[in-house]
C-alpha atoms as a PDB file:
ATOM      1  CA  MET A   1     -12.660 158.868 165.752  1.00  0.00           C
ATOM      2  CA  THR A   2     -11.226 155.582 164.276  1.00  0.00           C
ATOM      3  CA  THR A   3     -12.160 153.712 161.336  1.00  0.00           C
ATOM      4  CA  SER A   4     -13.019 149.854 160.785  1.00  0.00           C
ATOM      5  CA  PRO A   5     -11.198 147.563 158.576  1.00  0.00           C
ATOM      6  CA  THR A   6     -13.607 147.075 155.646  1.00  0.00           C
ATOM      7  CA  ASP A   7     -13.095 151.288 155.279  1.00  0.00           C
ATOM      8  CA  GLN A   8      -9.084 151.504 155.051  1.00  0.00           C
ATOM      9  CA  THR A   9      -7.958 152.841 151.396  1.00  0.00           C
ATOM     10  CA  GLN A  10      -4.740 151.969 151.193  1.00  0.00           C
ATOM     11  CA  GLN A  11      -1.769 154.419 149.673  1.00  0.00           C
ATOM     12  CA  THR A  12       1.724 155.491 149.861  1.00  0.00           C
ATOM     13  CA  LEU A  13       4.099 157.301 151.121  1.00  0.00           C
ATOM     14  CA  VAL A  14       5.524 158.496 147.750  1.00  0.00           C
ATOM     15  CA  ASP A  15       7.555 161.459 147.388  1.00  0.00           C
ATOM     16  CA  ARG A  16       8.064 163.518 144.027  1.00  0.00           C
ATOM     17  CA  PHE A  17      10.767 161.836 143.137  1.00  0.00           C
ATOM     18  CA  GLY A  18       9.359 158.694 143.124  1.00  0.00           C
ATOM     19  CA  ARG A  19      10.591 157.354 146.275  1.00  0.00           C
ATOM     20  CA  VAL A  20       8.007 155.487 148.834  1.00  0.00           C
ATOM     21  CA  ALA A  21       8.743 154.831 152.396  1.00  0.00           C
ATOM     22  CA  THR A  22       7.894 151.171 153.613  1.00  0.00           C
ATOM     23  CA  ASP A  23      10.322 151.276 156.900  1.00  0.00           C
ATOM     24  CA  LEU A  24       8.758 153.363 159.386  1.00  0.00           C
ATOM     25  CA  ARG A  25      10.895 154.619 162.712  1.00  0.00           C
ATOM     26  CA  VAL A  26       9.229 155.533 165.315  1.00  0.00           C
ATOM     27  CA  SER A  27      10.999 156.585 168.858  1.00  0.00           C
ATOM     28  CA  LEU A  28       9.235 155.996 171.699  1.00  0.00           C
ATOM     29  CA  THR A  29      11.501 158.696 173.940  1.00  0.00           C
ATOM     30  CA  ASP A  30      14.257 160.713 173.719  1.00  0.00           C
ATOM     31  CA  ARG A  31      15.426 159.580 177.576  1.00  0.00           C
ATOM     32  CA  CYS A  32      18.547 157.106 177.910  1.00  0.00           C
ATOM     33  CA  ASN A  33      20.639 155.719 179.951  1.00  0.00           C
ATOM     34  CA  LEU A  34      23.804 156.451 178.774  1.00  0.00           C
ATOM     35  CA  ARG A  35      25.528 160.097 177.461  1.00  0.00           C
ATOM     36  CA  CYS A  36      27.873 158.938 174.254  1.00  0.00           C
ATOM     37  CA  THR A  37      30.296 161.363 173.791  1.00  0.00           C
ATOM     38  CA  TYR A  38      28.794 162.102 170.121  1.00  0.00           C
ATOM     39  CA  CYS A  39      25.841 162.254 170.544  1.00  0.00           C
ATOM     40  CA  MET A  40      25.338 163.988 173.762  1.00  0.00           C
ATOM     41  CA  PRO A  41      26.667 165.976 176.690  1.00  0.00           C
ATOM     42  CA  PRO A  42      27.837 164.966 179.927  1.00  0.00           C
ATOM     43  CA  GLU A  43      24.091 166.318 181.904  1.00  0.00           C
ATOM     44  CA  GLY A  44      22.134 165.359 179.249  1.00  0.00           C
ATOM     45  CA  LEU A  45      19.565 167.199 177.367  1.00  0.00           C
ATOM     46  CA  ASP A  46      16.214 168.665 178.651  1.00  0.00           C
ATOM     47  CA  TRP A  47      14.138 165.838 178.200  1.00  0.00           C
ATOM     48  CA  MET A  48      10.605 166.030 176.684  1.00  0.00           C
ATOM     49  CA  PRO A  49       7.992 167.001 179.245  1.00  0.00           C
ATOM     50  CA  GLY A  50       5.400 163.645 179.651  1.00  0.00           C
ATOM     51  CA  ASP A  51       2.309 165.281 178.396  1.00  0.00           C
ATOM     52  CA  GLU A  52       4.167 166.221 174.825  1.00  0.00           C
ATOM     53  CA  ALA A  53       5.170 162.648 174.318  1.00  0.00           C
ATOM     54  CA  LEU A  54       2.453 160.038 172.546  1.00  0.00           C
ATOM     55  CA  THR A  55       0.639 157.841 174.855  1.00  0.00           C
ATOM     56  CA  ASP A  56       0.960 154.294 173.589  1.00  0.00           C
ATOM     57  CA  ASP A  57      -2.478 153.682 172.800  1.00  0.00           C
ATOM     58  CA  GLU A  58      -1.470 156.642 170.088  1.00  0.00           C
ATOM     59  CA  VAL A  59       1.655 155.258 169.374  1.00  0.00           C
ATOM     60  CA  VAL A  60       0.285 151.757 168.216  1.00  0.00           C
ATOM     61  CA  ARG A  61      -3.401 153.959 166.862  1.00  0.00           C
ATOM     62  CA  LEU A  62      -0.491 155.750 164.404  1.00  0.00           C
ATOM     63  CA  ILE A  63       1.795 152.410 163.455  1.00  0.00           C
ATOM     64  CA  GLY A  64      -2.064 151.258 162.900  1.00  0.00           C
ATOM     65  CA  VAL A  65      -2.282 153.460 159.869  1.00  0.00           C
ATOM     66  CA  ALA A  66       0.944 153.557 158.415  1.00  0.00           C
ATOM     67  CA  THR A  67       0.262 149.617 158.431  1.00  0.00           C
ATOM     68  CA  GLY A  68      -3.002 149.096 157.954  1.00  0.00           C
ATOM     69  CA  ARG A  69      -3.187 152.303 155.052  1.00  0.00           C
ATOM     70  CA  LEU A  70       0.293 153.522 154.008  1.00  0.00           C
ATOM     71  CA  GLY A  71       1.693 150.134 153.203  1.00  0.00           C
ATOM     72  CA  VAL A  72       4.825 150.440 156.014  1.00  0.00           C
ATOM     73  CA  ASP A  73       5.518 146.361 156.328  1.00  0.00           C
ATOM     74  CA  GLU A  74       8.530 147.212 158.820  1.00  0.00           C
ATOM     75  CA  VAL A  75       8.322 148.962 161.890  1.00  0.00           C
ATOM     76  CA  ARG A  76      11.896 149.780 164.050  1.00  0.00           C
ATOM     77  CA  PHE A  77      11.347 150.925 167.313  1.00  0.00           C
ATOM     78  CA  THR A  78      14.299 153.613 168.730  1.00  0.00           C
ATOM     79  CA  GLY A  79      14.944 156.599 171.356  1.00  0.00           C
ATOM     80  CA  GLY A  80      16.525 157.503 172.895  1.00  0.00           C
ATOM     81  CA  GLU A  81      16.178 154.401 174.580  1.00  0.00           C
ATOM     82  CA  PRO A  82      13.473 152.538 173.697  1.00  0.00           C
ATOM     83  CA  LEU A  83      14.033 150.129 176.384  1.00  0.00           C
ATOM     84  CA  VAL A  84      13.276 153.063 178.793  1.00  0.00           C
ATOM     85  CA  ARG A  85       9.637 153.209 177.904  1.00  0.00           C
ATOM     86  CA  ARG A  86       7.457 151.350 180.594  1.00  0.00           C
ATOM     87  CA  GLY A  87       5.013 150.046 177.733  1.00  0.00           C
ATOM     88  CA  LEU A  88       7.311 148.933 175.222  1.00  0.00           C
ATOM     89  CA  VAL A  89       5.758 145.275 175.724  1.00  0.00           C
ATOM     90  CA  SER A  90       2.275 145.779 174.968  1.00  0.00           C
ATOM     91  CA  ILE A  91       2.861 148.327 172.516  1.00  0.00           C
ATOM     92  CA  ILE A  92       5.243 145.779 170.738  1.00  0.00           C
ATOM     93  CA  GLY A  93       2.365 142.904 171.334  1.00  0.00           C
ATOM     94  CA  ARG A  94      -0.240 145.184 170.245  1.00  0.00           C
ATOM     95  CA  THR A  95       1.466 146.046 167.055  1.00  0.00           C
ATOM     96  CA  ARG A  96       2.366 142.599 166.190  1.00  0.00           C
ATOM     97  CA  GLU A  97      -1.441 141.547 166.429  1.00  0.00           C
ATOM     98  CA  ILE A  98      -2.150 144.715 164.212  1.00  0.00           C
ATOM     99  CA  ALA A  99       0.487 144.210 161.684  1.00  0.00           C
ATOM    100  CA  PRO A 100       1.128 140.211 161.907  1.00  0.00           C
ATOM    101  CA  HIS A 101       3.136 140.453 159.123  1.00  0.00           C
ATOM    102  CA  ALA A 102       5.196 143.357 159.267  1.00  0.00           C
ATOM    103  CA  GLU A 103       8.869 142.741 160.485  1.00  0.00           C
ATOM    104  CA  LEU A 104       9.530 144.381 163.978  1.00  0.00           C
ATOM    105  CA  SER A 105      12.901 145.905 165.046  1.00  0.00           C
ATOM    106  CA  ILE A 106      14.845 147.592 167.890  1.00  0.00           C
ATOM    107  CA  THR A 107      17.595 149.796 167.792  1.00  0.00           C
ATOM    108  CA  THR A 108      19.081 149.554 171.370  1.00  0.00           C
ATOM    109  CA  ASN A 109      21.872 149.922 173.602  1.00  0.00           C
ATOM    110  CA  ALA A 110      21.594 146.669 175.118  1.00  0.00           C
ATOM    111  CA  LEU A 111      21.728 148.084 179.112  1.00  0.00           C
ATOM    112  CA  GLY A 112      18.568 146.550 180.091  1.00  0.00           C
ATOM    113  CA  LEU A 113      17.403 143.675 177.162  1.00  0.00           C
ATOM    114  CA  ALA A 114      19.010 140.397 179.003  1.00  0.00           C
ATOM    115  CA  LYS A 115      15.583 141.491 181.319  1.00  0.00           C
ATOM    116  CA  THR A 116      13.732 141.388 178.363  1.00  0.00           C
ATOM    117  CA  ALA A 117      14.628 139.624 175.202  1.00  0.00           C
ATOM    118  CA  GLY A 118      12.270 137.153 176.662  1.00  0.00           C
ATOM    119  CA  ALA A 119       9.363 139.175 177.079  1.00  0.00           C
ATOM    120  CA  LEU A 120      10.153 141.383 173.500  1.00  0.00           C
ATOM    121  CA  ALA A 121      10.741 137.658 171.914  1.00  0.00           C
ATOM    122  CA  GLU A 122       7.518 136.223 172.722  1.00  0.00           C
ATOM    123  CA  ALA A 123       5.700 139.947 172.366  1.00  0.00           C
ATOM    124  CA  GLY A 124       6.515 139.337 168.711  1.00  0.00           C
ATOM    125  CA  LEU A 125       9.473 141.446 168.224  1.00  0.00           C
ATOM    126  CA  ASP A 126      11.853 140.140 165.550  1.00  0.00           C
ATOM    127  CA  ARG A 127      15.715 140.830 166.133  1.00  0.00           C
ATOM    128  CA  VAL A 128      17.927 143.471 167.557  1.00  0.00           C
ATOM    129  CA  ASN A 129      20.069 146.492 166.328  1.00  0.00           C
ATOM    130  CA  VAL A 130      22.468 146.429 169.609  1.00  0.00           C
ATOM    131  CA  SER A 131      24.932 150.107 168.911  1.00  0.00           C
ATOM    132  CA  LEU A 132      27.946 149.451 170.499  1.00  0.00           C
ATOM    133  CA  ASP A 133      31.431 151.028 169.292  1.00  0.00           C
ATOM    134  CA  SER A 134      33.131 148.886 171.394  1.00  0.00           C
ATOM    135  CA  ILE A 135      34.189 145.859 173.330  1.00  0.00           C
ATOM    136  CA  ARG A 136      37.539 147.399 175.335  1.00  0.00           C
ATOM    137  CA  PRO A 137      35.261 148.392 178.960  1.00  0.00           C
ATOM    138  CA  ASP A 138      37.682 151.393 179.495  1.00  0.00           C
ATOM    139  CA  THR A 139      36.978 152.796 175.874  1.00  0.00           C
ATOM    140  CA  PHE A 140      33.594 152.263 176.477  1.00  0.00           C
ATOM    141  CA  ALA A 141      33.440 154.122 179.676  1.00  0.00           C
ATOM    142  CA  GLN A 142      35.303 156.724 178.045  1.00  0.00           C
ATOM    143  CA  ILE A 143      32.214 157.018 174.656  1.00  0.00           C
ATOM    144  CA  THR A 144      29.363 156.007 176.624  1.00  0.00           C
ATOM    145  CA  ARG A 145      30.839 158.077 180.538  1.00  0.00           C
ATOM    146  CA  ARG A 146      29.421 154.698 181.677  1.00  0.00           C
ATOM    147  CA  ASP A 147      31.089 151.481 182.944  1.00  0.00           C
ATOM    148  CA  ARG A 148      27.962 149.437 181.606  1.00  0.00           C
ATOM    149  CA  LEU A 149      30.262 146.998 178.633  1.00  0.00           C
ATOM    150  CA  PRO A 150      29.265 143.497 180.974  1.00  0.00           C
ATOM    151  CA  ASP A 151      25.115 144.746 180.467  1.00  0.00           C
ATOM    152  CA  VAL A 152      25.389 145.079 176.647  1.00  0.00           C
ATOM    153  CA  ILE A 153      27.293 141.924 176.284  1.00  0.00           C
ATOM    154  CA  SER A 154      24.671 140.175 178.999  1.00  0.00           C
ATOM    155  CA  GLY A 155      21.839 141.721 176.479  1.00  0.00           C
ATOM    156  CA  LEU A 156      23.888 140.429 173.482  1.00  0.00           C
ATOM    157  CA  GLU A 157      23.516 137.050 174.748  1.00  0.00           C
ATOM    158  CA  ALA A 158      19.748 137.438 175.784  1.00  0.00           C
ATOM    159  CA  ALA A 159      18.603 138.549 172.494  1.00  0.00           C
ATOM    160  CA  ALA A 160      20.440 135.627 170.935  1.00  0.00           C
ATOM    161  CA  GLU A 161      18.916 133.189 173.170  1.00  0.00           C
ATOM    162  CA  ALA A 162      15.367 134.440 172.735  1.00  0.00           C
ATOM    163  CA  GLY A 163      15.755 134.133 168.958  1.00  0.00           C
ATOM    164  CA  LEU A 164      16.065 137.715 168.288  1.00  0.00           C
ATOM    165  CA  GLY A 165      18.050 137.359 165.194  1.00  0.00           C
ATOM    166  CA  PRO A 166      19.432 137.727 163.248  1.00  0.00           C
ATOM    167  CA  ILE A 167      21.308 140.112 165.856  1.00  0.00           C
ATOM    168  CA  LYS A 168      23.184 143.415 163.920  1.00  0.00           C
ATOM    169  CA  ILE A 169      25.360 145.806 166.059  1.00  0.00           C
ATOM    170  CA  ASN A 170      25.564 148.963 165.172  1.00  0.00           C
ATOM    171  CA  ALA A 171      29.100 150.796 165.403  1.00  0.00           C
ATOM    172  CA  VAL A 172      30.850 154.717 165.138  1.00  0.00           C
ATOM    173  CA  LEU A 173      34.200 154.845 164.922  1.00  0.00           C
ATOM    174  CA  LEU A 174      35.597 158.179 166.877  1.00  0.00           C
ATOM    175  CA  ARG A 175      39.527 159.150 165.479  1.00  0.00           C
ATOM    176  CA  GLY A 176      41.701 158.478 168.747  1.00  0.00           C
ATOM    177  CA  VAL A 177      39.243 156.892 170.586  1.00  0.00           C
ATOM    178  CA  ASN A 178      38.550 153.689 168.916  1.00  0.00           C
ATOM    179  CA  ASP A 179      39.383 154.152 165.034  1.00  0.00           C
ATOM    180  CA  ASP A 180      42.534 151.282 165.674  1.00  0.00           C
ATOM    181  CA  GLN A 181      39.661 149.246 166.977  1.00  0.00           C
ATOM    182  CA  ALA A 182      37.823 148.335 163.796  1.00  0.00           C
ATOM    183  CA  ALA A 183      39.270 144.657 163.532  1.00  0.00           C
ATOM    184  CA  GLU A 184      38.672 144.091 166.965  1.00  0.00           C
ATOM    185  CA  LEU A 185      35.028 144.637 167.408  1.00  0.00           C
ATOM    186  CA  LEU A 186      34.819 142.377 163.458  1.00  0.00           C
ATOM    187  CA  GLY A 187      36.464 139.684 165.051  1.00  0.00           C
ATOM    188  CA  TRP A 188      34.732 139.706 167.776  1.00  0.00           C
ATOM    189  CA  SER A 189      31.384 140.070 166.388  1.00  0.00           C
ATOM    190  CA  VAL A 190      31.782 137.114 164.018  1.00  0.00           C
ATOM    191  CA  GLU A 191      33.264 134.784 166.573  1.00  0.00           C
ATOM    192  CA  ARG A 192      29.806 135.290 168.274  1.00  0.00           C
ATOM    193  CA  GLY A 193      27.465 135.296 165.248  1.00  0.00           C
ATOM    194  CA  TYR A 194      26.871 138.978 165.379  1.00  0.00           C
ATOM    195  CA  GLU A 195      26.501 141.652 161.791  1.00  0.00           C
ATOM    196  CA  LEU A 196      28.312 144.114 162.311  1.00  0.00           C
ATOM    197  CA  ARG A 197      27.308 147.800 160.490  1.00  0.00           C
ATOM    198  CA  PHE A 198      30.304 150.731 160.740  1.00  0.00           C
ATOM    199  CA  ILE A 199      28.266 154.252 160.496  1.00  0.00           C
ATOM    200  CA  GLU A 200      30.048 157.211 159.601  1.00  0.00           C
ATOM    201  CA  GLN A 201      29.557 159.158 161.922  1.00  0.00           C
ATOM    202  CA  MET A 202      27.085 162.295 161.165  1.00  0.00           C
ATOM    203  CA  PRO A 203      26.035 165.924 162.448  1.00  0.00           C
ATOM    204  CA  LEU A 204      23.177 164.587 164.625  1.00  0.00           C
ATOM    205  CA  ASP A 205      25.482 165.731 168.062  1.00  0.00           C
ATOM    206  CA  ALA A 206      23.527 168.015 170.356  1.00  0.00           C
ATOM    207  CA  GLN A 207      26.824 169.512 171.361  1.00  0.00           C
ATOM    208  CA  HIS A 208      26.972 170.598 167.043  1.00  0.00           C
ATOM    209  CA  GLY A 209      30.673 169.160 167.538  1.00  0.00           C
ATOM    210  CA  TRP A 210      30.778 167.083 163.899  1.00  0.00           C
ATOM    211  CA  SER A 211      33.751 167.931 161.881  1.00  0.00           C
ATOM    212  CA  ARG A 212      34.080 166.469 158.461  1.00  0.00           C
ATOM    213  CA  GLU A 213      37.784 166.833 159.046  1.00  0.00           C
ATOM    214  CA  THR A 214      38.154 164.586 162.349  1.00  0.00           C
ATOM    215  CA  MET A 215      35.454 162.458 160.936  1.00  0.00           C
ATOM    216  CA  VAL A 216      36.344 158.602 159.766  1.00  0.00           C
ATOM    217  CA  THR A 217      35.537 157.676 156.378  1.00  0.00           C
ATOM    218  CA  ALA A 218      34.264 155.025 155.259  1.00  0.00           C
ATOM    219  CA  ASP A 219      37.299 154.247 152.898  1.00  0.00           C
ATOM    220  CA  ASP A 220      39.051 154.814 156.276  1.00  0.00           C
ATOM    221  CA  THR A 221      37.313 151.624 157.605  1.00  0.00           C
ATOM    222  CA  LEU A 222      37.985 149.522 154.998  1.00  0.00           C
ATOM    223  CA  ALA A 223      41.711 150.105 155.089  1.00  0.00           C
ATOM    224  CA  ALA A 224      41.241 149.044 158.750  1.00  0.00           C
ATOM    225  CA  LEU A 225      39.676 146.035 158.413  1.00  0.00           C
ATOM    226  CA  SER A 226      41.241 145.086 154.947  1.00  0.00           C
ATOM    227  CA  ALA A 227      44.540 144.571 157.148  1.00  0.00           C
ATOM    228  CA  SER A 228      43.505 142.075 159.282  1.00  0.00           C
ATOM    229  CA  PHE A 229      40.401 140.617 156.960  1.00  0.00           C
ATOM    230  CA  ASP A 230      39.672 139.395 152.976  1.00  0.00           C
ATOM    231  CA  LEU A 231      37.126 141.449 152.183  1.00  0.00           C
ATOM    232  CA  THR A 232      34.645 141.048 149.053  1.00  0.00           C
ATOM    233  CA  PRO A 233      31.640 142.396 147.841  1.00  0.00           C
ATOM    234  CA  ALA A 234      28.974 140.912 149.174  1.00  0.00           C
ATOM    235  CA  GLU A 235      26.909 139.956 145.537  1.00  0.00           C
ATOM    236  CA  GLU A 236      22.971 140.533 146.057  1.00  0.00           C
ATOM    237  CA  PRO A 237      21.472 144.055 145.211  1.00  0.00           C
ATOM    238  CA  ARG A 238      21.744 146.900 147.958  1.00  0.00           C
ATOM    239  CA  GLY A 239      18.080 147.941 147.403  1.00  0.00           C
ATOM    240  CA  SER A 240      17.116 150.281 149.437  1.00  0.00           C
ATOM    241  CA  ALA A 241      19.376 149.013 152.711  1.00  0.00           C
ATOM    242  CA  PRO A 242      21.594 151.722 153.851  1.00  0.00           C
ATOM    243  CA  ALA A 243      24.702 149.031 154.412  1.00  0.00           C
ATOM    244  CA  GLU A 244      27.104 148.096 151.669  1.00  0.00           C
ATOM    245  CA  LEU A 245      28.007 144.500 152.895  1.00  0.00           C
ATOM    246  CA  PHE A 246      31.396 142.745 152.488  1.00  0.00           C
ATOM    247  CA  HIS A 247      31.847 139.323 152.702  1.00  0.00           C
ATOM    248  CA  VAL A 248      34.942 138.862 155.606  1.00  0.00           C
ATOM    249  CA  ASP A 249      37.422 136.514 154.491  1.00  0.00           C
ATOM    250  CA  GLY A 250      35.371 134.689 151.897  1.00  0.00           C
ATOM    251  CA  GLY A 251      31.592 134.451 153.921  1.00  0.00           C
ATOM    252  CA  PRO A 252      29.376 133.303 155.213  1.00  0.00           C
ATOM    253  CA  ALA A 253      30.004 135.873 157.321  1.00  0.00           C
ATOM    254  CA  LYS A 254      29.333 139.502 156.023  1.00  0.00           C
ATOM    255  CA  VAL A 255      30.052 143.135 157.283  1.00  0.00           C
ATOM    256  CA  GLY A 256      28.203 146.419 156.384  1.00  0.00           C
ATOM    257  CA  ILE A 257      29.817 149.926 155.767  1.00  0.00           C
ATOM    258  CA  ILE A 258      27.085 152.888 156.224  1.00  0.00           C
ATOM    259  CA  ALA A 259      28.609 155.611 154.353  1.00  0.00           C
ATOM    260  CA  SER A 260      25.565 158.481 154.989  1.00  0.00           C
ATOM    261  CA  VAL A 261      28.242 161.252 154.415  1.00  0.00           C
ATOM    262  CA  THR A 262      30.756 160.902 151.761  1.00  0.00           C
ATOM    263  CA  ARG A 263      28.356 157.423 150.028  1.00  0.00           C
ATOM    264  CA  PRO A 264      25.438 159.010 149.957  1.00  0.00           C
ATOM    265  CA  PHE A 265      22.146 156.668 149.474  1.00  0.00           C
ATOM    266  CA  CYS A 266      19.476 158.893 148.974  1.00  0.00           C
ATOM    267  CA  GLY A 267      18.096 158.067 146.159  1.00  0.00           C
ATOM    268  CA  ASP A 268      16.843 154.635 147.328  1.00  0.00           C
ATOM    269  CA  CYS A 269      15.716 155.581 150.609  1.00  0.00           C
ATOM    270  CA  ASP A 270      12.420 154.142 152.215  1.00  0.00           C
ATOM    271  CA  ARG A 271      12.057 155.259 155.659  1.00  0.00           C
ATOM    272  CA  VAL A 272       9.562 157.319 157.321  1.00  0.00           C
ATOM    273  CA  ARG A 273      10.547 158.687 161.144  1.00  0.00           C
ATOM    274  CA  LEU A 274       7.430 158.828 163.795  1.00  0.00           C
ATOM    275  CA  THR A 275       9.163 161.262 166.837  1.00  0.00           C
ATOM    276  CA  ALA A 276       7.815 160.844 170.475  1.00  0.00           C
ATOM    277  CA  ASP A 277       5.574 163.118 170.514  1.00  0.00           C
ATOM    278  CA  GLY A 278       4.195 162.208 167.258  1.00  0.00           C
ATOM    279  CA  GLN A 279       6.003 164.459 164.470  1.00  0.00           C
ATOM    280  CA  VAL A 280       6.748 162.837 160.865  1.00  0.00           C
ATOM    281  CA  ARG A 281      10.367 163.653 159.597  1.00  0.00           C
ATOM    282  CA  ASP A 282      10.358 162.622 155.677  1.00  0.00           C
ATOM    283  CA  CYS A 283      14.487 162.235 156.535  1.00  0.00           C
ATOM    284  CA  LEU A 284      17.193 162.136 159.686  1.00  0.00           C
ATOM    285  CA  PHE A 285      18.324 165.975 158.588  1.00  0.00           C
ATOM    286  CA  ALA A 286      15.011 167.222 157.631  1.00  0.00           C
ATOM    287  CA  ARG A 287      14.581 170.746 159.480  1.00  0.00           C
ATOM    288  CA  SER A 288      10.654 170.997 159.473  1.00  0.00           C
ATOM    289  CA  GLU A 289       8.501 168.240 160.226  1.00  0.00           C
ATOM    290  CA  SER A 290       4.548 167.929 160.072  1.00  0.00           C
ATOM    291  CA  ASP A 291       2.467 167.184 163.444  1.00  0.00           C
ATOM    292  CA  LEU A 292       0.656 164.485 163.915  1.00  0.00           C
ATOM    293  CA  ARG A 293      -0.546 164.391 167.799  1.00  0.00           C
ATOM    294  CA  THR A 294      -2.627 168.216 167.694  1.00  0.00           C
ATOM    295  CA  PRO A 295      -4.809 166.717 164.817  1.00  0.00           C
ATOM    296  CA  LEU A 296      -4.866 163.166 166.610  1.00  0.00           C
ATOM    297  CA  ARG A 297      -6.284 164.112 169.837  1.00  0.00           C
ATOM    298  CA  ALA A 298      -8.443 166.321 168.465  1.00  0.00           C
ATOM    299  CA  GLY A 299     -10.413 163.599 166.993  1.00  0.00           C
ATOM    300  CA  ALA A 300      -9.351 163.302 163.715  1.00  0.00           C
ATOM    301  CA  SER A 301     -10.399 159.574 162.074  1.00  0.00           C
ATOM    302  CA  ASP A 302      -7.798 157.136 160.497  1.00  0.00           C
ATOM    303  CA  ASP A 303      -8.603 158.710 156.972  1.00  0.00           C
ATOM    304  CA  ASP A 304      -7.872 161.696 157.944  1.00  0.00           C
ATOM    305  CA  LEU A 305      -4.404 161.208 159.769  1.00  0.00           C
ATOM    306  CA  ALA A 306      -3.215 159.345 156.874  1.00  0.00           C
ATOM    307  CA  ALA A 307      -4.014 162.038 154.393  1.00  0.00           C
ATOM    308  CA  ARG A 308      -1.725 163.724 156.195  1.00  0.00           C
ATOM    309  CA  TRP A 309       1.228 161.640 156.447  1.00  0.00           C
ATOM    310  CA  VAL A 310       0.673 161.265 152.965  1.00  0.00           C
ATOM    311  CA  THR A 311       0.930 165.103 152.090  1.00  0.00           C
ATOM    312  CA  ALA A 312       3.864 165.328 154.805  1.00  0.00           C
ATOM    313  CA  MET A 313       5.953 162.481 152.722  1.00  0.00           C
ATOM    314  CA  ALA A 314       5.580 164.361 149.614  1.00  0.00           C
ATOM    315  CA  GLY A 315       7.797 166.746 149.731  1.00  0.00           C
ATOM    316  CA  LYS A 316      10.695 165.573 150.756  1.00  0.00           C
ATOM    317  CA  ALA A 317      13.976 166.798 149.309  1.00  0.00           C
ATOM    318  CA  ALA A 318      16.104 164.423 146.905  1.00  0.00           C
ATOM    319  CA  GLY A 319      19.181 164.544 149.605  1.00  0.00           C
ATOM    320  CA  HIS A 320      20.014 165.267 153.046  1.00  0.00           C
ATOM    321  CA  GLY A 321      22.349 168.124 151.426  1.00  0.00           C
ATOM    322  CA  ILE A 322      25.316 167.629 154.402  1.00  0.00           C
ATOM    323  CA  ASP A 323      27.028 168.501 151.284  1.00  0.00           C
ATOM    324  CA  ASP A 324      25.618 171.542 150.104  1.00  0.00           C
ATOM    325  CA  LEU A 325      27.228 174.980 151.499  1.00  0.00           C
ATOM    326  CA  GLY A 326      24.527 175.868 153.373  1.00  0.00           C
ATOM    327  CA  PHE A 327      23.845 172.547 155.514  1.00  0.00           C
ATOM    328  CA  LEU A 328      22.331 173.117 158.749  1.00  0.00           C
ATOM    329  CA  GLN A 329      22.219 170.690 161.615  1.00  0.00           C
ATOM    330  CA  PRO A 330      18.990 169.427 162.578  1.00  0.00           C
ATOM    331  CA  ASP A 331      17.316 171.638 165.587  1.00  0.00           C
ATOM    332  CA  ARG A 332      16.715 168.106 167.301  1.00  0.00           C
ATOM    333  CA  PRO A 333      19.367 166.161 167.700  1.00  0.00           C
ATOM    334  CA  MET A 334      19.741 162.609 167.093  1.00  0.00           C
ATOM    335  CA  SER A 335      18.219 161.309 170.401  1.00  0.00           C
ATOM    336  CA  ALA A 336      15.386 163.219 170.235  1.00  0.00           C
ATOM    337  CA  ILE A 337      14.539 162.179 166.826  1.00  0.00           C
ATOM    338  CA  GLY A 338      15.305 158.514 166.708  1.00  0.00           C
ATOM    339  CA  GLY A 339      17.102 156.224 164.352  1.00  0.00           C
END
């Protein structure tokens, strides 16, 4: 049972430390058509049964609760790989209708973006983030276990043509694999007008093989980039953005460093996550979730769903705890959580 717009009561997703979540990450599927070494094994994973995943209607309704009642003004569609979700264009179009002023974006590997960029833009998508760790075909294939680099590049070009910008690229550096390619990737991105972000590898792999000792740190990345470029800190306040920005050779181009492990920014976090099976996660590294799917399917009103969501966020921890002696990875890997 839903309630009419005139009955809506505005609340906020505030936690006990005063942080307010306004950025919603919605995972649409745990499936992916790549097999990145830092994410999942070559054979893939046991995918979520279809009846456990939220339907298109359920996804849109929960987004409506978040944007209409809880102050969310940014919605990022993630996965797995969101482009493999058949109803994606419709979900984005319906989200735009109920949240006309929200920023809508997608994080994708871009394999299907060449075919869908125009439709996504027409539906109301604002921009894209594309995961790309190397522009060398052999290295790309080594990391993703798929020889699909030309498809990613075509997808990026289609996104630019469709006006889905600014286009941001997310890159993870792996020691001994592509950590010698940071400057090369930055130069390529700057030349094409893409905004590159280097992300420290986080302990979210399905294999639980992450090691701090082998992780390429933010300092490592900055040192590698500084050997080829003049980097100066950007003047604008960082706010709740995860990336620390630097001007490249005086600008206007910028590069970002997301140091989730060595320079955590948990104190300014404004994100909340909804998994493909309808669970609220208050942190990427949370080991507990709050179920919205069951009450939704049992007939809960929008007011009740909003109240449950508020309660779910209230107990958010101060930080992700990676440096704690008792830290344990989440049971779900990144592909099942959503970025």
